[in-house]
Amino acid sequence: YLRYYFSCKLGSGIDDIDFNLEDFVQRVNSDLVGKVVNIASRCAGFIGKQFGGELAGSLPEPELFTEFVERGEIIAASYEQREFGKAMREIMELAGRANQYIDEHKPWVLTRKPERVDEVQEVCTQALNLFKVLVTYLKPVLPSVAARVESFLRCGELDWNNRTSALLAQRIEPFEPLMVRVESSQVDAML
């Protein structure tokens, strides 16, 4: 959690970091739990329960996946230039776009319509592939979370060079929470 918070604050200059505990709790909960992990938690259950953990054989919107992959060049350049805050903003912008995709397609509504059940698998496969790319971008900052995602997605090691490969027609493990919300009481106890 702290690695992410510090990364959001770091740039290439030599500046002090204002460590605000309220901001820390809010940023971790909204960005990591509410945006990134939320993508997997919203979709993995449908894949597990309705499709035996099997991802669809194709992406319904391959151009969106390509957009996420191509943004990696900007994120990589930000990392290389030690503009970690800029890299985190780019990643969170993509995470917002992935959540928007889920909201637009509403797999929880599609699942109630038997004739559209295949769309549920495709939408969730698309979202989980976007999630995979996002976690690849976050791996330098969140290596232990990335390791759990590698096991969950059964995708091998997440690597900048293999981010271009979509996970299709393969089984994933049942979803287990990758991160939990930080409560102010936990921060108070730590202090």
C-alpha atoms as a PDB file:
ATOM      1  CA  TYR A   1       0.000   0.000   0.000  1.00  0.00           C
ATOM      2  CA  LEU A   2       2.775   2.412   0.919  1.00  0.00           C
ATOM      3  CA  ARG A   3       4.754   1.632  -2.223  1.00  0.00           C
ATOM      4  CA  TYR A   4       1.770   2.659  -4.322  1.00  0.00           C
ATOM      5  CA  TYR A   5       1.124   5.815  -2.299  1.00  0.00           C
ATOM      6  CA  PHE A   6       4.759   6.894  -2.525  1.00  0.00           C
ATOM      7  CA  SER A   7       4.813   6.123  -6.261  1.00  0.00           C
ATOM      8  CA  CYS A   8       1.833   8.434  -6.749  1.00  0.00           C
ATOM      9  CA  LYS A   9       3.793  11.224  -5.098  1.00  0.00           C
ATOM     10  CA  LEU A  10       7.192  10.712  -6.731  1.00  0.00           C
ATOM     11  CA  GLY A  11       8.526  12.634  -9.697  1.00  0.00           C
ATOM     12  CA  SER A  12      11.987  13.021 -11.164  1.00  0.00           C
ATOM     13  CA  GLY A  13      12.743  16.100  -9.053  1.00  0.00           C
ATOM     14  CA  ILE A  14      13.968  16.237  -5.509  1.00  0.00           C
ATOM     15  CA  ASP A  15      10.872  17.181  -3.573  1.00  0.00           C
ATOM     16  CA  ASP A  16       9.538  16.400  -0.143  1.00  0.00           C
ATOM     17  CA  ILE A  17       6.557  14.074   0.047  1.00  0.00           C
ATOM     18  CA  ASP A  18       3.595  15.184   2.104  1.00  0.00           C
ATOM     19  CA  PHE A  19       2.498  11.971   3.802  1.00  0.00           C
ATOM     20  CA  ASN A  20      -1.129  12.631   4.611  1.00  0.00           C
ATOM     21  CA  LEU A  21      -2.784   9.647   6.269  1.00  0.00           C
ATOM     22  CA  GLU A  22      -6.299  10.576   5.131  1.00  0.00           C
ATOM     23  CA  ASP A  23      -5.060  10.917   1.562  1.00  0.00           C
ATOM     24  CA  PHE A  24      -3.233   7.589   1.896  1.00  0.00           C
ATOM     25  CA  VAL A  25      -6.398   5.746   2.982  1.00  0.00           C
ATOM     26  CA  GLN A  26      -8.541   7.439   0.335  1.00  0.00           C
ATOM     27  CA  ARG A  27      -6.069   6.873  -2.526  1.00  0.00           C
ATOM     28  CA  VAL A  28      -5.423   3.216  -1.738  1.00  0.00           C
ATOM     29  CA  ASN A  29      -9.119   2.465  -1.300  1.00  0.00           C
ATOM     30  CA  SER A  30     -10.284   4.339  -4.385  1.00  0.00           C
ATOM     31  CA  ASP A  31      -7.432   3.481  -6.769  1.00  0.00           C
ATOM     32  CA  LEU A  32      -6.152   0.027  -5.892  1.00  0.00           C
ATOM     33  CA  VAL A  33      -9.225  -1.549  -4.320  1.00  0.00           C
ATOM     34  CA  GLY A  34     -12.002   0.465  -5.961  1.00  0.00           C
ATOM     35  CA  LYS A  35     -10.595   0.651  -9.474  1.00  0.00           C
ATOM     36  CA  VAL A  36      -7.977  -2.031 -10.153  1.00  0.00           C
ATOM     37  CA  VAL A  37      -8.925  -5.020  -7.978  1.00  0.00           C
ATOM     38  CA  ASN A  38     -12.587  -4.198  -8.548  1.00  0.00           C
ATOM     39  CA  ILE A  39     -12.214  -5.151 -12.223  1.00  0.00           C
ATOM     40  CA  ALA A  40     -11.296  -8.733 -11.340  1.00  0.00           C
ATOM     41  CA  SER A  41     -13.757  -9.032  -8.481  1.00  0.00           C
ATOM     42  CA  ARG A  42     -16.630  -7.868 -10.714  1.00  0.00           C
ATOM     43  CA  CYS A  43     -15.901 -10.371 -13.489  1.00  0.00           C
ATOM     44  CA  ALA A  44     -14.149 -13.447 -12.111  1.00  0.00           C
ATOM     45  CA  GLY A  45     -17.258 -14.730 -10.325  1.00  0.00           C
ATOM     46  CA  PHE A  46     -19.208 -14.914 -13.583  1.00  0.00           C
ATOM     47  CA  ILE A  47     -16.369 -16.820 -15.278  1.00  0.00           C
ATOM     48  CA  GLY A  48     -16.068 -19.224 -12.358  1.00  0.00           C
ATOM     49  CA  LYS A  49     -19.742 -19.909 -11.720  1.00  0.00           C
ATOM     50  CA  GLN A  50     -21.178 -19.898 -15.220  1.00  0.00           C
ATOM     51  CA  PHE A  51     -18.283 -21.074 -17.372  1.00  0.00           C
ATOM     52  CA  GLY A  52     -16.280 -23.403 -15.125  1.00  0.00           C
ATOM     53  CA  GLY A  53     -13.441 -20.890 -14.907  1.00  0.00           C
ATOM     54  CA  GLU A  54     -12.982 -20.910 -18.691  1.00  0.00           C
ATOM     55  CA  LEU A  55     -12.290 -17.639 -20.511  1.00  0.00           C
ATOM     56  CA  ALA A  56     -13.899 -16.930 -23.885  1.00  0.00           C
ATOM     57  CA  GLY A  57     -12.046 -17.782 -27.083  1.00  0.00           C
ATOM     58  CA  SER A  58     -11.985 -14.202 -28.366  1.00  0.00           C
ATOM     59  CA  LEU A  59     -12.183 -10.592 -27.221  1.00  0.00           C
ATOM     60  CA  PRO A  60     -15.335  -8.716 -28.227  1.00  0.00           C
ATOM     61  CA  GLU A  61     -13.360  -5.443 -28.468  1.00  0.00           C
ATOM     62  CA  PRO A  62      -9.767  -6.249 -29.434  1.00  0.00           C
ATOM     63  CA  GLU A  63      -9.126  -2.584 -30.248  1.00  0.00           C
ATOM     64  CA  LEU A  64      -9.691  -1.666 -26.581  1.00  0.00           C
ATOM     65  CA  PHE A  65      -7.140  -4.292 -25.526  1.00  0.00           C
ATOM     66  CA  THR A  66      -4.715  -2.864 -28.113  1.00  0.00           C
ATOM     67  CA  GLU A  67      -5.270   0.628 -26.724  1.00  0.00           C
ATOM     68  CA  PHE A  68      -4.306  -0.579 -23.232  1.00  0.00           C
ATOM     69  CA  VAL A  69      -1.204  -2.340 -24.606  1.00  0.00           C
ATOM     70  CA  GLU A  70      -0.090   0.707 -26.597  1.00  0.00           C
ATOM     71  CA  ARG A  71      -0.408   3.010 -23.586  1.00  0.00           C
ATOM     72  CA  GLY A  72       2.362   0.905 -22.073  1.00  0.00           C
ATOM     73  CA  GLU A  73       4.893   2.900 -24.068  1.00  0.00           C
ATOM     74  CA  ILE A  74       3.883   6.107 -22.245  1.00  0.00           C
ATOM     75  CA  ILE A  75       3.889   4.312 -18.894  1.00  0.00           C
ATOM     76  CA  ALA A  76       7.306   2.747 -19.567  1.00  0.00           C
ATOM     77  CA  ALA A  77       8.730   6.145 -20.519  1.00  0.00           C
ATOM     78  CA  SER A  78       7.352   7.615 -17.290  1.00  0.00           C
ATOM     79  CA  TYR A  79       8.996   4.853 -15.249  1.00  0.00           C
ATOM     80  CA  GLU A  80      12.288   5.343 -17.111  1.00  0.00           C
ATOM     81  CA  GLN A  81      12.185   9.098 -16.449  1.00  0.00           C
ATOM     82  CA  ARG A  82      11.400   8.447 -12.761  1.00  0.00           C
ATOM     83  CA  GLU A  83       8.016  10.138 -13.203  1.00  0.00           C
ATOM     84  CA  PHE A  84       6.271   7.526 -11.095  1.00  0.00           C
ATOM     85  CA  GLY A  85       3.340   9.796 -10.263  1.00  0.00           C
ATOM     86  CA  LYS A  86       2.664  10.279 -13.960  1.00  0.00           C
ATOM     87  CA  ALA A  87       2.846   6.506 -14.544  1.00  0.00           C
ATOM     88  CA  MET A  88       0.329   5.894 -11.732  1.00  0.00           C
ATOM     89  CA  ARG A  89      -2.052   8.511 -13.173  1.00  0.00           C
ATOM     90  CA  GLU A  90      -1.872   6.856 -16.604  1.00  0.00           C
ATOM     91  CA  ILE A  91      -2.546   3.431 -15.084  1.00  0.00           C
ATOM     92  CA  MET A  92      -5.497   4.697 -13.035  1.00  0.00           C
ATOM     93  CA  GLU A  93      -6.943   6.410 -16.096  1.00  0.00           C
ATOM     94  CA  LEU A  94      -6.872   3.045 -17.868  1.00  0.00           C
ATOM     95  CA  ALA A  95      -8.398   1.351 -14.814  1.00  0.00           C
ATOM     96  CA  GLY A  96     -11.232   3.856 -14.954  1.00  0.00           C
ATOM     97  CA  ARG A  97     -11.730   3.026 -18.622  1.00  0.00           C
ATOM     98  CA  ALA A  98     -11.860  -0.715 -17.831  1.00  0.00           C
ATOM     99  CA  ASN A  99     -14.512  -0.137 -15.156  1.00  0.00           C
ATOM    100  CA  GLN A 100     -16.443   2.036 -17.600  1.00  0.00           C
ATOM    101  CA  TYR A 101     -16.363  -0.855 -20.087  1.00  0.00           C
ATOM    102  CA  ILE A 102     -17.867  -3.184 -17.459  1.00  0.00           C
ATOM    103  CA  ASP A 103     -20.517  -0.613 -16.534  1.00  0.00           C
ATOM    104  CA  GLU A 104     -21.472  -0.149 -20.187  1.00  0.00           C
ATOM    105  CA  HIS A 105     -21.898  -3.894 -20.814  1.00  0.00           C
ATOM    106  CA  LYS A 106     -23.419  -4.852 -17.443  1.00  0.00           C
ATOM    107  CA  PRO A 107     -22.653  -8.593 -17.241  1.00  0.00           C
ATOM    108  CA  TRP A 108     -24.913  -8.833 -14.158  1.00  0.00           C
ATOM    109  CA  VAL A 109     -27.840  -7.850 -16.391  1.00  0.00           C
ATOM    110  CA  LEU A 110     -26.772  -9.993 -19.363  1.00  0.00           C
ATOM    111  CA  THR A 111     -26.564 -13.089 -17.158  1.00  0.00           C
ATOM    112  CA  ARG A 112     -30.339 -12.934 -16.584  1.00  0.00           C
ATOM    113  CA  LYS A 113     -30.976 -13.345 -20.312  1.00  0.00           C
ATOM    114  CA  PRO A 114     -30.206 -16.932 -21.428  1.00  0.00           C
ATOM    115  CA  GLU A 115     -29.819 -15.891 -25.079  1.00  0.00           C
ATOM    116  CA  ARG A 116     -27.016 -13.467 -24.108  1.00  0.00           C
ATOM    117  CA  VAL A 117     -25.024 -15.675 -21.759  1.00  0.00           C
ATOM    118  CA  ASP A 118     -22.127 -15.970 -24.244  1.00  0.00           C
ATOM    119  CA  GLU A 119     -21.768 -12.194 -24.101  1.00  0.00           C
ATOM    120  CA  VAL A 120     -21.205 -12.436 -20.344  1.00  0.00           C
ATOM    121  CA  GLN A 121     -18.194 -14.693 -20.911  1.00  0.00           C
ATOM    122  CA  GLU A 122     -16.814 -12.378 -23.607  1.00  0.00           C
ATOM    123  CA  VAL A 123     -17.308  -9.168 -21.611  1.00  0.00           C
ATOM    124  CA  CYS A 124     -15.702 -10.695 -18.525  1.00  0.00           C
ATOM    125  CA  THR A 125     -12.830 -12.117 -20.590  1.00  0.00           C
ATOM    126  CA  GLN A 126     -12.251  -8.664 -22.079  1.00  0.00           C
ATOM    127  CA  ALA A 127     -12.251  -7.031 -18.642  1.00  0.00           C
ATOM    128  CA  LEU A 128      -9.906  -9.633 -17.133  1.00  0.00           C
ATOM    129  CA  ASN A 129      -7.478  -9.122 -20.006  1.00  0.00           C
ATOM    130  CA  LEU A 130      -7.529  -5.367 -19.380  1.00  0.00           C
ATOM    131  CA  PHE A 131      -6.915  -6.161 -15.700  1.00  0.00           C
ATOM    132  CA  LYS A 132      -3.926  -8.336 -16.646  1.00  0.00           C
ATOM    133  CA  VAL A 133      -2.372  -5.455 -18.578  1.00  0.00           C
ATOM    134  CA  LEU A 134      -2.965  -3.023 -15.701  1.00  0.00           C
ATOM    135  CA  VAL A 135      -1.348  -5.350 -13.162  1.00  0.00           C
ATOM    136  CA  THR A 136       1.624  -5.767 -15.508  1.00  0.00           C
ATOM    137  CA  TYR A 137       2.038  -1.982 -15.411  1.00  0.00           C
ATOM    138  CA  LEU A 138       1.725  -1.969 -11.616  1.00  0.00           C
ATOM    139  CA  LYS A 139       4.079  -4.923 -11.064  1.00  0.00           C
ATOM    140  CA  PRO A 140       7.184  -2.757 -10.412  1.00  0.00           C
ATOM    141  CA  VAL A 141       5.275  -1.097  -7.570  1.00  0.00           C
ATOM    142  CA  LEU A 142       3.116  -4.021  -6.365  1.00  0.00           C
ATOM    143  CA  PRO A 143       5.189  -7.185  -6.961  1.00  0.00           C
ATOM    144  CA  SER A 144       3.414  -9.328  -4.343  1.00  0.00           C
ATOM    145  CA  VAL A 145      -0.037  -8.433  -5.714  1.00  0.00           C
ATOM    146  CA  ALA A 146       1.222  -9.180  -9.229  1.00  0.00           C
ATOM    147  CA  ALA A 147       2.437 -12.620  -8.068  1.00  0.00           C
ATOM    148  CA  ARG A 148      -1.049 -13.426  -6.725  1.00  0.00           C
ATOM    149  CA  VAL A 149      -2.606 -12.242  -9.993  1.00  0.00           C
ATOM    150  CA  GLU A 150      -0.228 -14.491 -11.952  1.00  0.00           C
ATOM    151  CA  SER A 151      -1.530 -17.468  -9.952  1.00  0.00           C
ATOM    152  CA  PHE A 152      -5.169 -16.350 -10.233  1.00  0.00           C
ATOM    153  CA  LEU A 153      -5.005 -15.849 -14.012  1.00  0.00           C
ATOM    154  CA  ARG A 154      -2.671 -18.821 -14.578  1.00  0.00           C
ATOM    155  CA  CYS A 155      -0.802 -16.625 -17.037  1.00  0.00           C
ATOM    156  CA  GLY A 156       2.816 -17.241 -16.131  1.00  0.00           C
ATOM    157  CA  GLU A 157       4.990 -14.312 -15.201  1.00  0.00           C
ATOM    158  CA  LEU A 158       3.522 -10.921 -16.040  1.00  0.00           C
ATOM    159  CA  ASP A 159       6.145  -9.273 -18.173  1.00  0.00           C
ATOM    160  CA  TRP A 160       6.207  -6.017 -20.114  1.00  0.00           C
ATOM    161  CA  ASN A 161       6.973  -7.915 -23.315  1.00  0.00           C
ATOM    162  CA  ASN A 162       4.152 -10.465 -22.996  1.00  0.00           C
ATOM    163  CA  ARG A 163       1.453  -7.904 -22.173  1.00  0.00           C
ATOM    164  CA  THR A 164       0.437  -7.982 -25.841  1.00  0.00           C
ATOM    165  CA  SER A 165      -0.857 -11.561 -25.547  1.00  0.00           C
ATOM    166  CA  ALA A 166      -4.483 -11.906 -24.518  1.00  0.00           C
ATOM    167  CA  LEU A 167      -5.597 -14.761 -22.280  1.00  0.00           C
ATOM    168  CA  LEU A 168      -8.194 -16.703 -24.270  1.00  0.00           C
ATOM    169  CA  ALA A 169      -9.899 -20.107 -24.004  1.00  0.00           C
ATOM    170  CA  GLN A 170      -8.043 -21.015 -20.835  1.00  0.00           C
ATOM    171  CA  ARG A 171      -9.021 -21.681 -17.263  1.00  0.00           C
ATOM    172  CA  ILE A 172      -8.467 -19.248 -14.393  1.00  0.00           C
ATOM    173  CA  GLU A 173      -8.469 -19.968 -10.678  1.00  0.00           C
ATOM    174  CA  PRO A 174     -11.358 -18.939  -8.422  1.00  0.00           C
ATOM    175  CA  PHE A 175     -11.055 -15.301  -7.385  1.00  0.00           C
ATOM    176  CA  GLU A 176      -9.813 -14.506  -3.909  1.00  0.00           C
ATOM    177  CA  PRO A 177      -9.505 -10.920  -2.661  1.00  0.00           C
ATOM    178  CA  LEU A 178      -6.182  -9.500  -3.820  1.00  0.00           C
ATOM    179  CA  MET A 179      -6.308  -6.416  -1.611  1.00  0.00           C
ATOM    180  CA  VAL A 180      -8.712  -5.189   1.036  1.00  0.00           C
ATOM    181  CA  ARG A 181      -9.796  -1.697   1.937  1.00  0.00           C
ATOM    182  CA  VAL A 182      -7.685   0.183   4.459  1.00  0.00           C
ATOM    183  CA  GLU A 183      -9.697   1.407   7.438  1.00  0.00           C
ATOM    184  CA  SER A 184      -8.719   4.536   9.330  1.00  0.00           C
ATOM    185  CA  SER A 185      -8.802   2.474  12.540  1.00  0.00           C
ATOM    186  CA  GLN A 186      -6.048   0.227  11.113  1.00  0.00           C
ATOM    187  CA  VAL A 187      -3.879   3.266  10.383  1.00  0.00           C
ATOM    188  CA  ASP A 188      -4.533   4.613  13.889  1.00  0.00           C
ATOM    189  CA  ALA A 189      -3.546   1.234  15.396  1.00  0.00           C
ATOM    190  CA  MET A 190      -0.365   1.181  13.317  1.00  0.00           C
ATOM    191  CA  LEU A 191       0.579   4.635  14.591  1.00  0.00           C
END
